[in-house]
Amino acid sequence: MSRARDVVDVVARALASQPDEVDVVEYERRDQTVVELTMAPGDLGRVIGRQGRTATAVRTLAAAAAELDGLRVSVDFRDD
């Protein structure tokens, strides 16, 4: 479990109205780590934010945390 995954998990749970529905999965694809965030459909909009600003901030925080571990990271947002 990387620091990037932990950062995404903490931020998503803080923004979600249903924090128990937040699921963060981490896996490797090619030469980078992928952090996949799944939330309740109504909460996904809160994490993406207006014009994607919050999503961009989450991706930036994850990239900074991954750099501490010497990794490259990509954050994917999914709704169920």
Protein backbone atom coordinates (compact mmCIF):
# COMPACT_ATOMS: atom_id res chain seq x y z
CA MET A 1 0.00 0.00 0.00
CA SER A 2 1.50 3.30 -1.09
CA ARG A 3 1.26 6.78 0.34
CA ALA A 4 -0.63 7.88 -2.78
CA ARG A 5 -3.39 5.36 -2.06
CA ASP A 6 -3.60 6.56 1.55
CA VAL A 7 -3.87 10.20 0.46
CA VAL A 8 -6.67 9.45 -2.03
CA ASP A 9 -8.53 7.40 0.59
CA VAL A 10 -8.37 10.09 3.28
CA VAL A 11 -9.43 12.92 0.95
CA ALA A 12 -12.28 10.92 -0.61
CA ARG A 13 -13.67 9.86 2.77
CA ALA A 14 -13.50 13.47 4.01
CA LEU A 15 -15.48 14.73 1.01
CA ALA A 16 -18.03 11.90 0.82
CA SER A 17 -21.44 12.03 2.44
CA GLN A 18 -21.31 8.21 2.57
CA PRO A 19 -17.70 7.48 3.59
CA ASP A 20 -18.44 3.76 4.05
CA GLU A 21 -19.09 3.49 0.29
CA VAL A 22 -15.57 4.70 -0.61
CA ASP A 23 -13.33 1.99 -2.05
CA VAL A 24 -9.74 2.62 -3.13
CA VAL A 25 -7.85 -0.06 -5.07
CA GLU A 26 -4.22 0.11 -6.11
CA TYR A 27 -2.61 -1.91 -8.91
CA GLU A 28 0.29 -1.76 -11.36
CA ARG A 29 -0.18 -0.99 -15.06
CA ARG A 30 2.86 -0.81 -17.33
CA ASP A 31 5.39 1.40 -15.53
CA GLN A 32 3.07 3.21 -13.15
CA THR A 33 0.78 2.66 -10.18
CA VAL A 34 -2.94 3.16 -10.72
CA VAL A 35 -5.14 4.22 -7.82
CA GLU A 36 -8.80 3.56 -8.62
CA LEU A 37 -11.42 5.38 -6.55
CA THR A 38 -14.99 4.06 -6.45
CA MET A 39 -17.75 5.92 -4.60
CA ALA A 40 -21.50 6.19 -4.38
CA PRO A 41 -22.87 7.92 -7.53
CA GLY A 42 -23.96 11.06 -5.66
CA ASP A 43 -20.59 11.48 -3.98
CA LEU A 44 -18.50 11.22 -7.11
CA GLY A 45 -19.50 14.73 -8.16
CA ARG A 46 -18.23 16.10 -4.87
CA VAL A 47 -14.80 14.57 -5.43
CA ILE A 48 -14.59 15.69 -9.05
CA GLY A 49 -15.69 19.23 -8.18
CA ARG A 50 -16.52 22.15 -10.41
CA GLN A 51 -14.76 21.86 -13.76
CA GLY A 52 -12.68 19.05 -12.27
CA ARG A 53 -10.71 21.27 -9.92
CA THR A 54 -11.01 19.00 -6.90
CA ALA A 55 -10.10 15.94 -9.00
CA THR A 56 -7.02 17.78 -10.26
CA ALA A 57 -6.05 18.61 -6.67
CA VAL A 58 -6.48 14.97 -5.61
CA ARG A 59 -4.30 13.84 -8.53
CA THR A 60 -1.65 16.42 -7.61
CA LEU A 61 -1.59 15.29 -3.97
CA ALA A 62 -1.37 11.64 -5.02
CA ALA A 63 1.50 12.41 -7.40
CA ALA A 64 3.40 14.26 -4.67
CA ALA A 65 2.89 11.37 -2.23
CA ALA A 66 3.92 8.80 -4.85
CA GLU A 67 7.09 10.74 -5.59
CA LEU A 68 8.14 10.21 -1.98
CA ASP A 69 7.95 6.46 -2.67
CA GLY A 70 9.73 6.82 -6.02
CA LEU A 71 6.60 5.93 -8.00
CA ARG A 72 4.54 7.39 -10.83
CA VAL A 73 0.82 7.36 -10.12
CA SER A 74 -2.44 7.79 -12.02
CA VAL A 75 -5.80 8.32 -10.27
CA ASP A 76 -8.98 6.97 -11.90
CA PHE A 77 -12.45 7.92 -10.67
CA ARG A 78 -15.23 5.32 -11.05
CA ASP A 79 -18.89 5.27 -10.02
CA ASP A 80 -21.07 2.23 -9.45
